[in-house]
Amino acid sequence: MEALIHYNQLSVVYGRKTIDFSLLYCDRKTMEIAVLPDSTVIVKAPVQSDIALIEKKIRKQARWILRQLNYFKQFNPKTPDRCYVNGETHLYLGKQYRLKLVEGPENSVKIISRLFSYHLPERTDSNCCRETFKAMVFGKGTASICGKHGSLLAEIQGSGYWPAYPLCECKKDGAAFQTRAQLPLILT
């Protein structure tokens, strides 16, 4: 199924609420209303559909649409981009850790209770901090996975049923899988 005509931004008033939606005309027989996690509403309608009929259907489904929008609102705000500054919190293996930048002889990251103690020889930019931090987390994640499930992974990999396990970073809160051959490691 492919989009044939055009893409419109429209809105419908339901009580005191306004429902903004994107209208996409497609080669189909029925109308589809989709509410996405980023709080966008997409309506796919048949090419011959009248705009008044589409708005009537949106008003009819408005209660469901608003319920879906409220459901997705509970997951906001998304985790903001990390700046790697003192006091910033990071999630690691399901727990929250605070970042503490300390001047030290070498570039390293250590976990002390609920604290990431980041030793760096001098003040550097956040990109250097980010790369060192990610390298430490990937290293510990690999060691943790191999330590806990090493014999099982070796058995599965040796059987030829499953490919190697490269670790990868999930882009947003662990909500996306990368590919079937990769284990997602959540870095926020």
C-alpha atoms as a PDB file:
ATOM      1  CA  MET A   1       0.000   0.000   0.000  1.00  0.00           C
ATOM      2  CA  GLU A   2       1.487   3.339  -0.922  1.00  0.00           C
ATOM      3  CA  ALA A   3       0.506   6.948  -0.368  1.00  0.00           C
ATOM      4  CA  LEU A   4      -1.013   8.424  -3.485  1.00  0.00           C
ATOM      5  CA  ILE A   5      -2.063  12.001  -3.034  1.00  0.00           C
ATOM      6  CA  HIS A   6      -0.921  14.364  -0.285  1.00  0.00           C
ATOM      7  CA  TYR A   7      -0.264  14.953   3.358  1.00  0.00           C
ATOM      8  CA  ASN A   8      -2.348  17.542   5.273  1.00  0.00           C
ATOM      9  CA  GLN A   9      -2.137  18.911   8.818  1.00  0.00           C
ATOM     10  CA  LEU A  10      -5.675  19.351  10.145  1.00  0.00           C
ATOM     11  CA  SER A  11      -7.404  19.689  13.506  1.00  0.00           C
ATOM     12  CA  VAL A  12     -10.780  18.863  15.050  1.00  0.00           C
ATOM     13  CA  VAL A  13     -12.295  20.444  18.179  1.00  0.00           C
ATOM     14  CA  TYR A  14     -13.764  18.004  20.715  1.00  0.00           C
ATOM     15  CA  GLY A  15     -15.177  19.759  23.762  1.00  0.00           C
ATOM     16  CA  ARG A  16     -12.368  21.974  25.070  1.00  0.00           C
ATOM     17  CA  LYS A  17      -9.655  19.900  23.402  1.00  0.00           C
ATOM     18  CA  THR A  18      -8.212  20.263  19.942  1.00  0.00           C
ATOM     19  CA  ILE A  19      -7.007  17.130  18.199  1.00  0.00           C
ATOM     20  CA  ASP A  20      -4.327  17.859  15.618  1.00  0.00           C
ATOM     21  CA  PHE A  21      -3.821  15.117  13.047  1.00  0.00           C
ATOM     22  CA  SER A  22      -2.008  14.411   9.828  1.00  0.00           C
ATOM     23  CA  LEU A  23      -4.178  13.241   6.956  1.00  0.00           C
ATOM     24  CA  LEU A  24      -2.690  10.902   4.401  1.00  0.00           C
ATOM     25  CA  TYR A  25      -4.723   9.763   1.410  1.00  0.00           C
ATOM     26  CA  CYS A  26      -3.901   6.180   0.440  1.00  0.00           C
ATOM     27  CA  ASP A  27      -5.057   3.494  -1.935  1.00  0.00           C
ATOM     28  CA  ARG A  28      -7.219   1.654   0.630  1.00  0.00           C
ATOM     29  CA  LYS A  29     -10.885   0.902   1.362  1.00  0.00           C
ATOM     30  CA  THR A  30     -11.090   1.776   5.070  1.00  0.00           C
ATOM     31  CA  MET A  31      -9.889   4.620   7.258  1.00  0.00           C
ATOM     32  CA  GLU A  32      -7.127   4.106   9.835  1.00  0.00           C
ATOM     33  CA  ILE A  33      -6.548   6.276  12.903  1.00  0.00           C
ATOM     34  CA  ALA A  34      -3.157   5.802  14.579  1.00  0.00           C
ATOM     35  CA  VAL A  35      -1.915   7.491  17.744  1.00  0.00           C
ATOM     36  CA  LEU A  36       1.877   7.306  17.987  1.00  0.00           C
ATOM     37  CA  PRO A  37       3.998   7.466  21.172  1.00  0.00           C
ATOM     38  CA  ASP A  38       5.340  10.894  20.201  1.00  0.00           C
ATOM     39  CA  SER A  39       1.738  12.212  20.541  1.00  0.00           C
ATOM     40  CA  THR A  40       1.059  12.508  16.839  1.00  0.00           C
ATOM     41  CA  VAL A  41      -2.198  11.349  15.306  1.00  0.00           C
ATOM     42  CA  ILE A  42      -2.096  10.009  11.765  1.00  0.00           C
ATOM     43  CA  VAL A  43      -5.228   9.343   9.742  1.00  0.00           C
ATOM     44  CA  LYS A  44      -4.960   7.259   6.576  1.00  0.00           C
ATOM     45  CA  ALA A  45      -8.079   7.585   4.453  1.00  0.00           C
ATOM     46  CA  PRO A  46      -9.211   6.321   1.050  1.00  0.00           C
ATOM     47  CA  VAL A  47      -8.464   8.603  -1.858  1.00  0.00           C
ATOM     48  CA  GLN A  48     -12.135   9.442  -2.543  1.00  0.00           C
ATOM     49  CA  SER A  49     -12.938  10.360   1.093  1.00  0.00           C
ATOM     50  CA  ASP A  50     -14.681  13.615   1.859  1.00  0.00           C
ATOM     51  CA  ILE A  51     -12.978  15.798   4.486  1.00  0.00           C
ATOM     52  CA  ALA A  52     -16.269  16.289   6.364  1.00  0.00           C
ATOM     53  CA  LEU A  53     -16.701  12.514   6.700  1.00  0.00           C
ATOM     54  CA  ILE A  54     -13.125  12.165   7.967  1.00  0.00           C
ATOM     55  CA  GLU A  55     -13.653  14.884  10.582  1.00  0.00           C
ATOM     56  CA  LYS A  56     -16.917  13.215  11.655  1.00  0.00           C
ATOM     57  CA  LYS A  57     -15.076   9.907  12.184  1.00  0.00           C
ATOM     58  CA  ILE A  58     -12.335  11.695  14.144  1.00  0.00           C
ATOM     59  CA  ARG A  59     -14.967  13.287  16.416  1.00  0.00           C
ATOM     60  CA  LYS A  60     -16.580   9.883  16.899  1.00  0.00           C
ATOM     61  CA  GLN A  61     -13.245   8.366  17.972  1.00  0.00           C
ATOM     62  CA  ALA A  62     -12.075  11.480  19.855  1.00  0.00           C
ATOM     63  CA  ARG A  63     -12.517   9.962  23.304  1.00  0.00           C
ATOM     64  CA  TRP A  64     -10.307   6.998  22.373  1.00  0.00           C
ATOM     65  CA  ILE A  65      -7.733   9.306  20.748  1.00  0.00           C
ATOM     66  CA  LEU A  66      -7.535  11.513  23.854  1.00  0.00           C
ATOM     67  CA  ARG A  67      -7.219   8.430  26.076  1.00  0.00           C
ATOM     68  CA  GLN A  68      -4.291   7.215  23.951  1.00  0.00           C
ATOM     69  CA  LEU A  69      -2.638  10.650  24.015  1.00  0.00           C
ATOM     70  CA  ASN A  70      -2.951  10.754  27.825  1.00  0.00           C
ATOM     71  CA  TYR A  71      -1.499   7.257  28.070  1.00  0.00           C
ATOM     72  CA  PHE A  72       1.577   8.232  26.056  1.00  0.00           C
ATOM     73  CA  LYS A  73       1.947  11.464  28.057  1.00  0.00           C
ATOM     74  CA  GLN A  74       2.902   9.451  31.143  1.00  0.00           C
ATOM     75  CA  PHE A  75       6.184   8.462  29.482  1.00  0.00           C
ATOM     76  CA  ASN A  76       7.292  12.071  29.041  1.00  0.00           C
ATOM     77  CA  PRO A  77       9.642  13.775  29.536  1.00  0.00           C
ATOM     78  CA  LYS A  78      12.144  11.685  27.670  1.00  0.00           C
ATOM     79  CA  THR A  79      15.600  11.367  29.126  1.00  0.00           C
ATOM     80  CA  PRO A  80      17.440  14.548  28.102  1.00  0.00           C
ATOM     81  CA  ASP A  81      20.763  14.460  26.277  1.00  0.00           C
ATOM     82  CA  ARG A  82      23.657  13.954  28.653  1.00  0.00           C
ATOM     83  CA  CYS A  83      26.213  16.730  29.195  1.00  0.00           C
ATOM     84  CA  TYR A  84      28.619  14.725  31.423  1.00  0.00           C
ATOM     85  CA  VAL A  85      28.927  17.359  34.152  1.00  0.00           C
ATOM     86  CA  ASN A  86      29.192  17.000  37.934  1.00  0.00           C
ATOM     87  CA  GLY A  87      25.999  15.818  39.630  1.00  0.00           C
ATOM     88  CA  GLU A  88      24.319  14.542  36.484  1.00  0.00           C
ATOM     89  CA  THR A  89      22.503  11.224  36.907  1.00  0.00           C
ATOM     90  CA  HIS A  90      22.824   8.213  34.608  1.00  0.00           C
ATOM     91  CA  LEU A  91      20.908   4.944  34.486  1.00  0.00           C
ATOM     92  CA  TYR A  92      23.071   1.832  34.561  1.00  0.00           C
ATOM     93  CA  LEU A  93      21.713  -1.728  34.880  1.00  0.00           C
ATOM     94  CA  GLY A  94      18.360  -0.396  36.079  1.00  0.00           C
ATOM     95  CA  LYS A  95      19.765   1.838  38.814  1.00  0.00           C
ATOM     96  CA  GLN A  96      20.446   5.545  38.949  1.00  0.00           C
ATOM     97  CA  TYR A  97      24.022   6.741  39.515  1.00  0.00           C
ATOM     98  CA  ARG A  98      25.342  10.264  40.015  1.00  0.00           C
ATOM     99  CA  LEU A  99      28.405  11.412  38.062  1.00  0.00           C
ATOM    100  CA  LYS A 100      31.309  12.899  40.000  1.00  0.00           C
ATOM    101  CA  LEU A 101      34.212  14.402  38.054  1.00  0.00           C
ATOM    102  CA  VAL A 102      37.550  14.182  39.893  1.00  0.00           C
ATOM    103  CA  GLU A 103      41.002  15.223  38.728  1.00  0.00           C
ATOM    104  CA  GLY A 104      43.295  12.208  38.842  1.00  0.00           C
ATOM    105  CA  PRO A 105      46.370  10.675  37.213  1.00  0.00           C
ATOM    106  CA  GLU A 106      44.507   8.734  34.501  1.00  0.00           C
ATOM    107  CA  ASN A 107      41.316   8.741  32.477  1.00  0.00           C
ATOM    108  CA  SER A 108      39.070   6.156  34.195  1.00  0.00           C
ATOM    109  CA  VAL A 109      35.577   5.550  35.540  1.00  0.00           C
ATOM    110  CA  LYS A 110      34.894   3.674  38.776  1.00  0.00           C
ATOM    111  CA  ILE A 111      31.617   2.780  40.459  1.00  0.00           C
ATOM    112  CA  ILE A 112      31.571   3.664  44.163  1.00  0.00           C
ATOM    113  CA  SER A 113      28.189   2.915  45.825  1.00  0.00           C
ATOM    114  CA  ARG A 114      25.646   4.974  43.781  1.00  0.00           C
ATOM    115  CA  LEU A 115      28.316   7.168  42.214  1.00  0.00           C
ATOM    116  CA  PHE A 116      30.269   7.096  38.962  1.00  0.00           C
ATOM    117  CA  SER A 117      33.629   8.500  39.993  1.00  0.00           C
ATOM    118  CA  TYR A 118      35.209   9.773  36.797  1.00  0.00           C
ATOM    119  CA  HIS A 119      38.946  10.473  37.118  1.00  0.00           C
ATOM    120  CA  LEU A 120      40.461  12.662  34.430  1.00  0.00           C
ATOM    121  CA  PRO A 121      43.913  14.207  34.246  1.00  0.00           C
ATOM    122  CA  GLU A 122      42.635  17.688  33.347  1.00  0.00           C
ATOM    123  CA  ARG A 123      39.475  19.478  32.355  1.00  0.00           C
ATOM    124  CA  THR A 124      38.462  18.088  28.960  1.00  0.00           C
ATOM    125  CA  ASP A 125      35.472  18.458  26.704  1.00  0.00           C
ATOM    126  CA  SER A 126      32.292  16.436  27.170  1.00  0.00           C
ATOM    127  CA  ASN A 127      32.996  14.299  24.064  1.00  0.00           C
ATOM    128  CA  CYS A 128      36.082  12.808  25.722  1.00  0.00           C
ATOM    129  CA  CYS A 129      34.053  12.138  28.888  1.00  0.00           C
ATOM    130  CA  ARG A 130      31.255  10.567  26.850  1.00  0.00           C
ATOM    131  CA  GLU A 131      33.573   8.213  24.945  1.00  0.00           C
ATOM    132  CA  THR A 132      35.464   7.067  28.058  1.00  0.00           C
ATOM    133  CA  PHE A 133      32.198   6.581  29.916  1.00  0.00           C
ATOM    134  CA  LYS A 134      30.644   4.528  27.110  1.00  0.00           C
ATOM    135  CA  ALA A 135      33.779   2.401  26.779  1.00  0.00           C
ATOM    136  CA  MET A 136      33.628   1.597  30.507  1.00  0.00           C
ATOM    137  CA  VAL A 137      29.924   0.741  30.412  1.00  0.00           C
ATOM    138  CA  PHE A 138      30.290  -1.447  27.308  1.00  0.00           C
ATOM    139  CA  GLY A 139      33.269  -3.221  28.893  1.00  0.00           C
ATOM    140  CA  LYS A 140      31.399  -3.888  32.131  1.00  0.00           C
ATOM    141  CA  GLY A 141      28.269  -4.915  30.201  1.00  0.00           C
ATOM    142  CA  THR A 142      30.223  -7.435  28.141  1.00  0.00           C
ATOM    143  CA  ALA A 143      31.891  -8.822  31.271  1.00  0.00           C
ATOM    144  CA  SER A 144      28.543  -8.996  33.093  1.00  0.00           C
ATOM    145  CA  ILE A 145      26.779 -10.809  30.267  1.00  0.00           C
ATOM    146  CA  CYS A 146      29.659 -13.227  29.678  1.00  0.00           C
ATOM    147  CA  GLY A 147      30.084 -13.828  33.423  1.00  0.00           C
ATOM    148  CA  LYS A 148      26.433 -14.601  34.074  1.00  0.00           C
ATOM    149  CA  HIS A 149      25.542 -16.363  30.847  1.00  0.00           C
ATOM    150  CA  GLY A 150      28.925 -17.293  29.355  1.00  0.00           C
ATOM    151  CA  SER A 151      28.434 -21.066  29.270  1.00  0.00           C
ATOM    152  CA  LEU A 152      24.940 -20.724  27.833  1.00  0.00           C
ATOM    153  CA  LEU A 153      26.104 -18.225  25.174  1.00  0.00           C
ATOM    154  CA  ALA A 154      29.032 -20.484  24.220  1.00  0.00           C
ATOM    155  CA  GLU A 155      26.684 -23.456  23.931  1.00  0.00           C
ATOM    156  CA  ILE A 156      24.193 -21.546  21.765  1.00  0.00           C
ATOM    157  CA  GLN A 157      26.912 -20.001  19.573  1.00  0.00           C
ATOM    158  CA  GLY A 158      28.635 -23.382  19.195  1.00  0.00           C
ATOM    159  CA  SER A 159      25.437 -25.017  18.036  1.00  0.00           C
ATOM    160  CA  GLY A 160      25.259 -22.760  14.977  1.00  0.00           C
ATOM    161  CA  TYR A 161      21.710 -21.610  15.739  1.00  0.00           C
ATOM    162  CA  TRP A 162      22.543 -18.073  16.804  1.00  0.00           C
ATOM    163  CA  PRO A 163      25.098 -15.526  15.539  1.00  0.00           C
ATOM    164  CA  ALA A 164      27.731 -13.734  17.642  1.00  0.00           C
ATOM    165  CA  TYR A 165      26.530 -11.178  20.216  1.00  0.00           C
ATOM    166  CA  PRO A 166      27.930  -7.718  19.536  1.00  0.00           C
ATOM    167  CA  LEU A 167      26.683  -5.181  22.089  1.00  0.00           C
ATOM    168  CA  CYS A 168      25.037  -2.047  20.784  1.00  0.00           C
ATOM    169  CA  GLU A 169      23.624   1.129  22.282  1.00  0.00           C
ATOM    170  CA  CYS A 170      19.889   1.695  22.280  1.00  0.00           C
ATOM    171  CA  LYS A 171      19.156   5.218  21.140  1.00  0.00           C
ATOM    172  CA  LYS A 172      16.109   6.046  23.289  1.00  0.00           C
ATOM    173  CA  ASP A 173      15.418   4.603  26.727  1.00  0.00           C
ATOM    174  CA  GLY A 174      15.911   1.042  25.525  1.00  0.00           C
ATOM    175  CA  ALA A 175      12.686   1.195  23.556  1.00  0.00           C
ATOM    176  CA  ALA A 176      14.164   0.043  20.260  1.00  0.00           C
ATOM    177  CA  PHE A 177      15.772  -3.237  19.272  1.00  0.00           C
ATOM    178  CA  GLN A 178      18.734  -2.915  16.936  1.00  0.00           C
ATOM    179  CA  THR A 179      18.957  -6.137  14.909  1.00  0.00           C
ATOM    180  CA  ARG A 180      18.318  -9.746  15.808  1.00  0.00           C
ATOM    181  CA  ALA A 181      22.062 -10.431  16.087  1.00  0.00           C
ATOM    182  CA  GLN A 182      22.710  -7.718  18.681  1.00  0.00           C
ATOM    183  CA  LEU A 183      22.003  -7.426  22.373  1.00  0.00           C
ATOM    184  CA  PRO A 184      20.784  -3.941  23.264  1.00  0.00           C
ATOM    185  CA  LEU A 185      22.695  -2.323  26.139  1.00  0.00           C
ATOM    186  CA  ILE A 186      20.789   0.646  27.546  1.00  0.00           C
ATOM    187  CA  LEU A 187      22.905   3.777  27.970  1.00  0.00           C
ATOM    188  CA  THR A 188      21.070   6.924  28.967  1.00  0.00           C
END
